[in-house]
Amino acid sequence: MNSNLATKADIAAPKVDIADLKADFATLKTDLLKWMIGAMVVQTGVIVALVKLL
């Protein structure tokens, strides 16, 4: 037979990788959201400080 054909194991392997990627993306999304909220708080503080100075 041709060795280039995909076996059941070859097809099942990416499914496990996709599950790991989904978990990684969920963690990444949470971390990114934390940084964005922190940056917005700092930006708001800087704007308030600048408005008080002017």
C-alpha atoms as a PDB file:
ATOM      1  CA  MET A   1       0.000   0.000   0.000  1.00  0.00           C
ATOM      2  CA  ASN A   2       0.930   3.604  -0.330  1.00  0.00           C
ATOM      3  CA  SER A   3       2.665   5.004   2.773  1.00  0.00           C
ATOM      4  CA  ASN A   4       1.311   8.490   2.076  1.00  0.00           C
ATOM      5  CA  LEU A   5      -2.189   7.557   3.211  1.00  0.00           C
ATOM      6  CA  ALA A   6      -3.435   8.911   6.532  1.00  0.00           C
ATOM      7  CA  THR A   7      -4.250   6.434   9.270  1.00  0.00           C
ATOM      8  CA  LYS A   8      -6.844   6.824  12.037  1.00  0.00           C
ATOM      9  CA  ALA A   9      -4.051   7.764  14.433  1.00  0.00           C
ATOM     10  CA  ASP A  10      -2.863  10.480  12.049  1.00  0.00           C
ATOM     11  CA  ILE A  11      -6.348  11.948  11.928  1.00  0.00           C
ATOM     12  CA  ALA A  12      -6.923  11.735  15.705  1.00  0.00           C
ATOM     13  CA  ALA A  13      -3.642  13.451  16.635  1.00  0.00           C
ATOM     14  CA  PRO A  14      -4.619  16.975  15.480  1.00  0.00           C
ATOM     15  CA  LYS A  15      -7.836  16.794  17.535  1.00  0.00           C
ATOM     16  CA  VAL A  16      -5.760  16.612  20.695  1.00  0.00           C
ATOM     17  CA  ASP A  17      -3.609  19.510  19.502  1.00  0.00           C
ATOM     18  CA  ILE A  18      -6.705  21.605  18.775  1.00  0.00           C
ATOM     19  CA  ALA A  19      -7.989  21.044  22.320  1.00  0.00           C
ATOM     20  CA  ASP A  20      -4.653  22.243  23.705  1.00  0.00           C
ATOM     21  CA  LEU A  21      -4.768  25.311  21.463  1.00  0.00           C
ATOM     22  CA  LYS A  22      -8.255  26.209  22.673  1.00  0.00           C
ATOM     23  CA  ALA A  23      -7.036  26.129  26.269  1.00  0.00           C
ATOM     24  CA  ASP A  24      -4.000  28.237  25.350  1.00  0.00           C
ATOM     25  CA  PHE A  25      -6.176  30.794  23.562  1.00  0.00           C
ATOM     26  CA  ALA A  26      -8.497  31.030  26.562  1.00  0.00           C
ATOM     27  CA  THR A  27      -5.534  31.774  28.822  1.00  0.00           C
ATOM     28  CA  LEU A  28      -4.138  34.269  26.328  1.00  0.00           C
ATOM     29  CA  LYS A  29      -7.495  36.014  26.075  1.00  0.00           C
ATOM     30  CA  THR A  30      -7.699  36.376  29.860  1.00  0.00           C
ATOM     31  CA  ASP A  31      -4.160  37.725  30.143  1.00  0.00           C
ATOM     32  CA  LEU A  32      -4.727  40.193  27.305  1.00  0.00           C
ATOM     33  CA  LEU A  33      -7.936  41.424  28.919  1.00  0.00           C
ATOM     34  CA  LYS A  34      -6.122  42.010  32.229  1.00  0.00           C
ATOM     35  CA  TRP A  35      -3.418  44.054  30.508  1.00  0.00           C
ATOM     36  CA  MET A  36      -5.958  46.078  28.529  1.00  0.00           C
ATOM     37  CA  ILE A  37      -7.965  46.968  31.638  1.00  0.00           C
ATOM     38  CA  GLY A  38      -4.788  47.906  33.501  1.00  0.00           C
ATOM     39  CA  ALA A  39      -3.637  50.080  30.620  1.00  0.00           C
ATOM     40  CA  MET A  40      -7.023  51.825  30.482  1.00  0.00           C
ATOM     41  CA  VAL A  41      -6.862  52.588  34.216  1.00  0.00           C
ATOM     42  CA  VAL A  42      -3.366  54.044  33.877  1.00  0.00           C
ATOM     43  CA  GLN A  43      -4.360  56.023  30.795  1.00  0.00           C
ATOM     44  CA  THR A  44      -7.388  57.440  32.606  1.00  0.00           C
ATOM     45  CA  GLY A  45      -5.198  58.434  35.546  1.00  0.00           C
ATOM     46  CA  VAL A  46      -2.739  60.217  33.275  1.00  0.00           C
ATOM     47  CA  ILE A  47      -5.533  62.097  31.512  1.00  0.00           C
ATOM     48  CA  VAL A  48      -7.081  63.165  34.828  1.00  0.00           C
ATOM     49  CA  ALA A  49      -3.681  64.341  36.086  1.00  0.00           C
ATOM     50  CA  LEU A  50      -3.065  66.328  32.907  1.00  0.00           C
ATOM     51  CA  VAL A  51      -6.496  67.949  33.066  1.00  0.00           C
ATOM     52  CA  LYS A  52      -5.898  68.992  36.702  1.00  0.00           C
ATOM     53  CA  LEU A  53      -2.549  70.529  35.760  1.00  0.00           C
ATOM     54  CA  LEU A  54      -3.978  72.589  32.906  1.00  0.00           C
END
